[in-house]
Amino acid sequence: MSNDIEELTALNRDYVNSVQNSDVKRFDEILAADFYCSNPDKSLVDRAAFLKQTAVPVTIRNLTAHDVKIRVLGDFAIIHAATSYTTADDQPAHGRYTDCWARQNGRWLAVSAHVSR
């Protein structure tokens, strides 16, 4: 399980960095085909819509995950974390996210995300 924790820790870091840097290529590699995301505006988007929204550069800066908790439940894992970032008008802000991962064909892939601010 320690290898799973290490791998999921790296994937979580990649996920957060991909949000900050609009890295559609990396998301394309780590999202499952049936991925869905609940956005802070309460919309639910599928993989294609998520990749499209990710391609638009974000206006926030300094996105950092804190208090990361990774729970591995066999071939399924849940990552809970808090975030801090700076808004476009230089205000500090905070949020939370929960990402669900599934091991598919020997690889961990994100299957679901829920983001709140």
N, C-alpha and C. Protein backbone atom coordinates (compact mmCIF):
# COMPACT_ATOMS: atom_id res chain seq x y z
N MET A 1 0.81 -1.20 0.00
CA MET A 1 0.00 0.00 0.00
C MET A 1 0.85 1.26 0.00
N SER A 2 2.08 1.20 0.54
CA SER A 2 2.92 2.41 0.56
C SER A 2 3.25 2.87 -0.86
N ASN A 3 3.42 1.91 -1.80
CA ASN A 3 3.63 2.30 -3.20
C ASN A 3 2.41 3.02 -3.75
N ASP A 4 1.21 2.55 -3.39
CA ASP A 4 -0.01 3.22 -3.82
C ASP A 4 -0.06 4.64 -3.28
N ILE A 5 0.26 4.81 -2.02
CA ILE A 5 0.25 6.15 -1.40
C ILE A 5 1.24 7.06 -2.11
N GLU A 6 2.44 6.55 -2.39
CA GLU A 6 3.45 7.35 -3.09
C GLU A 6 2.96 7.74 -4.49
N GLU A 7 2.40 6.77 -5.20
CA GLU A 7 1.92 7.04 -6.56
C GLU A 7 0.76 8.05 -6.54
N LEU A 8 -0.19 7.86 -5.61
CA LEU A 8 -1.32 8.77 -5.52
C LEU A 8 -0.89 10.16 -5.05
N THR A 9 0.12 10.23 -4.21
CA THR A 9 0.66 11.53 -3.79
C THR A 9 1.22 12.28 -4.99
N ALA A 10 1.96 11.59 -5.84
CA ALA A 10 2.51 12.20 -7.06
C ALA A 10 1.40 12.59 -8.03
N LEU A 11 0.39 11.73 -8.17
CA LEU A 11 -0.73 12.04 -9.07
C LEU A 11 -1.53 13.23 -8.55
N ASN A 12 -1.71 13.32 -7.25
CA ASN A 12 -2.41 14.45 -6.66
C ASN A 12 -1.65 15.75 -6.94
N ARG A 13 -0.34 15.69 -6.78
CA ARG A 13 0.50 16.87 -7.08
C ARG A 13 0.37 17.26 -8.55
N ASP A 14 0.40 16.26 -9.44
CA ASP A 14 0.23 16.53 -10.87
C ASP A 14 -1.14 17.14 -11.16
N TYR A 15 -2.17 16.63 -10.49
CA TYR A 15 -3.53 17.12 -10.71
C TYR A 15 -3.62 18.60 -10.34
N VAL A 16 -3.13 18.96 -9.15
CA VAL A 16 -3.17 20.35 -8.69
C VAL A 16 -2.34 21.24 -9.62
N ASN A 17 -1.14 20.78 -9.98
CA ASN A 17 -0.30 21.56 -10.90
C ASN A 17 -0.96 21.72 -12.26
N SER A 18 -1.68 20.70 -12.70
CA SER A 18 -2.37 20.78 -14.00
C SER A 18 -3.50 21.79 -13.97
N VAL A 19 -4.17 21.92 -12.83
CA VAL A 19 -5.19 22.96 -12.69
C VAL A 19 -4.53 24.33 -12.81
N GLN A 20 -3.46 24.53 -12.04
CA GLN A 20 -2.79 25.83 -12.01
C GLN A 20 -2.23 26.21 -13.37
N ASN A 21 -1.71 25.22 -14.10
CA ASN A 21 -1.00 25.50 -15.35
C ASN A 21 -1.80 25.18 -16.61
N SER A 22 -3.09 24.89 -16.46
CA SER A 22 -3.96 24.56 -17.61
C SER A 22 -3.34 23.44 -18.46
N ASP A 23 -2.84 22.41 -17.79
CA ASP A 23 -2.12 21.33 -18.47
C ASP A 23 -3.09 20.24 -18.95
N VAL A 24 -3.71 20.48 -20.09
CA VAL A 24 -4.67 19.55 -20.66
C VAL A 24 -4.00 18.22 -21.00
N LYS A 25 -2.77 18.28 -21.46
CA LYS A 25 -2.04 17.06 -21.84
C LYS A 25 -1.90 16.11 -20.66
N ARG A 26 -1.51 16.64 -19.50
CA ARG A 26 -1.35 15.78 -18.32
C ARG A 26 -2.70 15.26 -17.85
N PHE A 27 -3.72 16.11 -17.86
CA PHE A 27 -5.04 15.63 -17.48
C PHE A 27 -5.51 14.52 -18.41
N ASP A 28 -5.23 14.65 -19.69
CA ASP A 28 -5.62 13.63 -20.65
C ASP A 28 -5.00 12.27 -20.29
N GLU A 29 -3.84 12.29 -19.67
CA GLU A 29 -3.15 11.07 -19.28
C GLU A 29 -3.70 10.46 -17.99
N ILE A 30 -4.23 11.28 -17.09
CA ILE A 30 -4.58 10.77 -15.75
C ILE A 30 -6.09 10.71 -15.47
N LEU A 31 -6.91 11.13 -16.41
CA LEU A 31 -8.35 11.06 -16.22
C LEU A 31 -8.92 9.80 -16.88
N ALA A 32 -9.80 9.11 -16.17
CA ALA A 32 -10.49 7.95 -16.73
C ALA A 32 -11.44 8.41 -17.83
N ALA A 33 -11.78 7.51 -18.73
CA ALA A 33 -12.69 7.84 -19.83
C ALA A 33 -14.05 8.30 -19.33
N ASP A 34 -14.48 7.80 -18.16
CA ASP A 34 -15.80 8.15 -17.62
C ASP A 34 -15.71 9.17 -16.48
N PHE A 35 -14.66 9.99 -16.46
CA PHE A 35 -14.45 11.01 -15.43
C PHE A 35 -15.57 12.05 -15.43
N TYR A 36 -15.95 12.46 -14.22
CA TYR A 36 -16.88 13.59 -14.02
C TYR A 36 -16.34 14.49 -12.92
N CYS A 37 -16.67 15.78 -13.03
CA CYS A 37 -16.25 16.75 -12.02
C CYS A 37 -17.43 17.64 -11.63
N SER A 38 -17.64 17.78 -10.33
CA SER A 38 -18.59 18.76 -9.79
C SER A 38 -17.80 20.04 -9.53
N ASN A 39 -18.13 21.08 -10.28
CA ASN A 39 -17.42 22.36 -10.19
C ASN A 39 -17.96 23.21 -9.03
N PRO A 40 -17.19 24.21 -8.62
CA PRO A 40 -17.65 25.10 -7.54
C PRO A 40 -18.97 25.81 -7.86
N ASP A 41 -19.27 26.01 -9.16
CA ASP A 41 -20.53 26.67 -9.52
C ASP A 41 -21.71 25.70 -9.54
N LYS A 42 -21.47 24.48 -9.06
CA LYS A 42 -22.46 23.41 -8.95
C LYS A 42 -22.76 22.70 -10.27
N SER A 43 -22.03 23.02 -11.32
CA SER A 43 -22.21 22.30 -12.59
C SER A 43 -21.47 20.96 -12.52
N LEU A 44 -21.99 20.01 -13.26
CA LEU A 44 -21.36 18.70 -13.38
C LEU A 44 -20.89 18.57 -14.82
N VAL A 45 -19.58 18.32 -15.00
CA VAL A 45 -19.02 18.23 -16.34
C VAL A 45 -18.37 16.87 -16.55
N ASP A 46 -18.48 16.37 -17.78
CA ASP A 46 -17.82 15.11 -18.12
C ASP A 46 -16.37 15.39 -18.51
N ARG A 47 -15.67 14.35 -18.89
CA ARG A 47 -14.24 14.45 -19.20
C ARG A 47 -13.97 15.47 -20.29
N ALA A 48 -14.72 15.41 -21.38
CA ALA A 48 -14.49 16.33 -22.50
C ALA A 48 -14.70 17.78 -22.09
N ALA A 49 -15.76 18.05 -21.35
CA ALA A 49 -16.03 19.42 -20.89
C ALA A 49 -14.98 19.88 -19.88
N PHE A 50 -14.51 18.95 -19.03
CA PHE A 50 -13.47 19.29 -18.07
C PHE A 50 -12.18 19.67 -18.78
N LEU A 51 -11.80 18.90 -19.79
CA LEU A 51 -10.58 19.22 -20.55
C LEU A 51 -10.73 20.56 -21.26
N LYS A 52 -11.91 20.84 -21.78
CA LYS A 52 -12.16 22.11 -22.45
C LYS A 52 -12.04 23.28 -21.46
N GLN A 53 -12.61 23.13 -20.27
CA GLN A 53 -12.52 24.22 -19.29
C GLN A 53 -11.10 24.35 -18.75
N THR A 54 -10.37 23.25 -18.70
CA THR A 54 -8.98 23.30 -18.22
C THR A 54 -8.08 24.04 -19.21
N ALA A 55 -8.41 24.00 -20.48
CA ALA A 55 -7.60 24.67 -21.49
C ALA A 55 -7.62 26.19 -21.35
N VAL A 56 -8.64 26.72 -20.69
CA VAL A 56 -8.73 28.16 -20.46
C VAL A 56 -7.83 28.51 -19.27
N PRO A 57 -6.84 29.40 -19.46
CA PRO A 57 -5.94 29.74 -18.36
C PRO A 57 -6.71 30.25 -17.14
N VAL A 58 -6.32 29.77 -15.96
CA VAL A 58 -6.97 30.20 -14.73
C VAL A 58 -6.45 31.57 -14.30
N THR A 59 -7.25 32.28 -13.56
CA THR A 59 -6.86 33.61 -13.08
C THR A 59 -6.28 33.57 -11.68
N ILE A 60 -6.34 32.39 -11.04
CA ILE A 60 -5.77 32.27 -9.70
C ILE A 60 -4.27 31.99 -9.79
N ARG A 61 -3.58 32.27 -8.70
CA ARG A 61 -2.15 32.00 -8.60
C ARG A 61 -1.85 31.28 -7.29
N ASN A 62 -0.69 30.69 -7.22
CA ASN A 62 -0.18 30.09 -5.98
C ASN A 62 -1.08 28.99 -5.43
N LEU A 63 -1.70 28.22 -6.31
CA LEU A 63 -2.57 27.14 -5.86
C LEU A 63 -1.75 26.07 -5.15
N THR A 64 -2.13 25.79 -3.91
CA THR A 64 -1.41 24.83 -3.09
C THR A 64 -2.41 23.95 -2.36
N ALA A 65 -2.12 22.65 -2.29
CA ALA A 65 -2.95 21.72 -1.52
C ALA A 65 -2.36 21.56 -0.13
N HIS A 66 -3.25 21.48 0.87
CA HIS A 66 -2.85 21.31 2.27
C HIS A 66 -3.70 20.20 2.89
N ASP A 67 -3.21 19.69 4.00
CA ASP A 67 -4.00 18.72 4.77
C ASP A 67 -4.52 17.61 3.87
N VAL A 68 -3.63 17.07 3.04
CA VAL A 68 -4.01 16.02 2.09
C VAL A 68 -4.17 14.69 2.82
N LYS A 69 -5.31 14.07 2.63
CA LYS A 69 -5.59 12.76 3.22
C LYS A 69 -5.89 11.79 2.08
N ILE A 70 -5.09 10.73 1.99
CA ILE A 70 -5.26 9.73 0.94
C ILE A 70 -5.71 8.43 1.59
N ARG A 71 -6.85 7.94 1.13
CA ARG A 71 -7.40 6.67 1.65
C ARG A 71 -7.45 5.67 0.50
N VAL A 72 -6.72 4.57 0.65
CA VAL A 72 -6.71 3.52 -0.36
C VAL A 72 -7.63 2.40 0.12
N LEU A 73 -8.60 2.07 -0.73
CA LEU A 73 -9.58 1.03 -0.42
C LEU A 73 -9.53 -0.01 -1.54
N GLY A 74 -8.49 -0.81 -1.53
CA GLY A 74 -8.29 -1.79 -2.59
C GLY A 74 -7.90 -1.10 -3.88
N ASP A 75 -8.72 -1.26 -4.92
CA ASP A 75 -8.44 -0.65 -6.22
C ASP A 75 -9.15 0.70 -6.37
N PHE A 76 -9.54 1.29 -5.26
CA PHE A 76 -10.22 2.58 -5.23
C PHE A 76 -9.55 3.45 -4.18
N ALA A 77 -9.42 4.74 -4.47
CA ALA A 77 -8.81 5.64 -3.50
C ALA A 77 -9.55 6.97 -3.49
N ILE A 78 -9.58 7.60 -2.33
CA ILE A 78 -10.21 8.90 -2.16
C ILE A 78 -9.16 9.85 -1.61
N ILE A 79 -9.04 11.02 -2.23
CA ILE A 79 -8.12 12.05 -1.76
C ILE A 79 -8.94 13.26 -1.35
N HIS A 80 -8.80 13.65 -0.08
CA HIS A 80 -9.43 14.86 0.45
C HIS A 80 -8.32 15.87 0.70
N ALA A 81 -8.55 17.14 0.40
CA ALA A 81 -7.54 18.16 0.68
C ALA A 81 -8.16 19.54 0.74
N ALA A 82 -7.46 20.43 1.40
CA ALA A 82 -7.80 21.85 1.42
C ALA A 82 -6.87 22.54 0.43
N THR A 83 -7.32 23.68 -0.08
CA THR A 83 -6.46 24.46 -0.98
C THR A 83 -6.36 25.89 -0.50
N SER A 84 -5.28 26.52 -0.88
CA SER A 84 -5.14 27.97 -0.72
C SER A 84 -4.63 28.50 -2.05
N TYR A 85 -5.01 29.73 -2.36
CA TYR A 85 -4.60 30.35 -3.62
C TYR A 85 -4.83 31.84 -3.52
N THR A 86 -4.33 32.55 -4.51
CA THR A 86 -4.50 33.99 -4.61
C THR A 86 -5.43 34.28 -5.78
N THR A 87 -6.46 35.08 -5.56
CA THR A 87 -7.41 35.41 -6.62
C THR A 87 -6.81 36.43 -7.58
N ALA A 88 -7.52 36.69 -8.67
CA ALA A 88 -7.06 37.65 -9.67
C ALA A 88 -6.90 39.05 -9.09
N ASP A 89 -7.69 39.37 -8.07
CA ASP A 89 -7.58 40.69 -7.44
C ASP A 89 -6.71 40.66 -6.17
N ASP A 90 -5.77 39.69 -6.14
CA ASP A 90 -4.76 39.57 -5.09
C ASP A 90 -5.31 39.30 -3.69
N GLN A 91 -6.45 38.66 -3.61
CA GLN A 91 -7.01 38.29 -2.31
C GLN A 91 -6.69 36.83 -2.00
N PRO A 92 -6.34 36.54 -0.77
CA PRO A 92 -6.15 35.13 -0.40
C PRO A 92 -7.50 34.42 -0.36
N ALA A 93 -7.52 33.17 -0.79
CA ALA A 93 -8.76 32.40 -0.81
C ALA A 93 -8.44 30.94 -0.48
N HIS A 94 -9.50 30.21 -0.14
CA HIS A 94 -9.35 28.81 0.28
C HIS A 94 -10.48 27.99 -0.31
N GLY A 95 -10.23 26.71 -0.43
CA GLY A 95 -11.25 25.79 -0.92
C GLY A 95 -10.97 24.38 -0.44
N ARG A 96 -11.73 23.44 -0.96
CA ARG A 96 -11.53 22.02 -0.66
C ARG A 96 -11.81 21.22 -1.93
N TYR A 97 -11.25 20.03 -1.98
CA TYR A 97 -11.60 19.12 -3.06
C TYR A 97 -11.56 17.69 -2.57
N THR A 98 -12.32 16.86 -3.25
CA THR A 98 -12.29 15.42 -3.04
C THR A 98 -12.17 14.79 -4.42
N ASP A 99 -11.12 14.02 -4.61
CA ASP A 99 -10.90 13.31 -5.88
C ASP A 99 -10.98 11.82 -5.62
N CYS A 100 -11.62 11.11 -6.52
CA CYS A 100 -11.72 9.65 -6.44
C CYS A 100 -10.91 9.04 -7.57
N TRP A 101 -10.14 8.03 -7.22
CA TRP A 101 -9.26 7.37 -8.17
C TRP A 101 -9.58 5.88 -8.20
N ALA A 102 -9.45 5.26 -9.36
CA ALA A 102 -9.64 3.82 -9.49
C ALA A 102 -8.45 3.23 -10.25
N ARG A 103 -8.02 2.06 -9.79
CA ARG A 103 -6.95 1.37 -10.50
C ARG A 103 -7.61 0.62 -11.67
N GLN A 104 -7.23 1.02 -12.89
CA GLN A 104 -7.77 0.42 -14.09
C GLN A 104 -6.60 -0.06 -14.95
N ASN A 105 -6.60 -1.34 -15.27
CA ASN A 105 -5.51 -1.93 -16.06
C ASN A 105 -4.15 -1.62 -15.45
N GLY A 106 -4.07 -1.68 -14.11
CA GLY A 106 -2.80 -1.49 -13.41
C GLY A 106 -2.39 -0.03 -13.19
N ARG A 107 -3.22 0.92 -13.61
CA ARG A 107 -2.89 2.35 -13.47
C ARG A 107 -3.96 3.05 -12.65
N TRP A 108 -3.52 3.99 -11.82
CA TRP A 108 -4.47 4.84 -11.10
C TRP A 108 -4.96 5.94 -12.03
N LEU A 109 -6.29 6.07 -12.16
CA LEU A 109 -6.89 7.12 -12.98
C LEU A 109 -7.95 7.84 -12.16
N ALA A 110 -8.04 9.15 -12.34
CA ALA A 110 -9.07 9.93 -11.66
C ALA A 110 -10.41 9.62 -12.31
N VAL A 111 -11.40 9.26 -11.48
CA VAL A 111 -12.73 8.95 -12.00
C VAL A 111 -13.76 10.01 -11.61
N SER A 112 -13.45 10.79 -10.56
CA SER A 112 -14.41 11.78 -10.09
C SER A 112 -13.69 12.85 -9.29
N ALA A 113 -14.25 14.07 -9.36
CA ALA A 113 -13.71 15.17 -8.58
C ALA A 113 -14.87 16.05 -8.11
N HIS A 114 -14.70 16.62 -6.94
CA HIS A 114 -15.67 17.58 -6.40
C HIS A 114 -14.87 18.74 -5.82
N VAL A 115 -15.13 19.95 -6.31
CA VAL A 115 -14.35 21.13 -5.91
C VAL A 115 -15.30 22.14 -5.28
N SER A 116 -14.90 22.69 -4.13
CA SER A 116 -15.68 23.77 -3.50
C SER A 116 -14.75 24.91 -3.13
N ARG A 117 -15.35 26.09 -3.12
CA ARG A 117 -14.60 27.29 -2.74
C ARG A 117 -15.39 28.04 -1.70
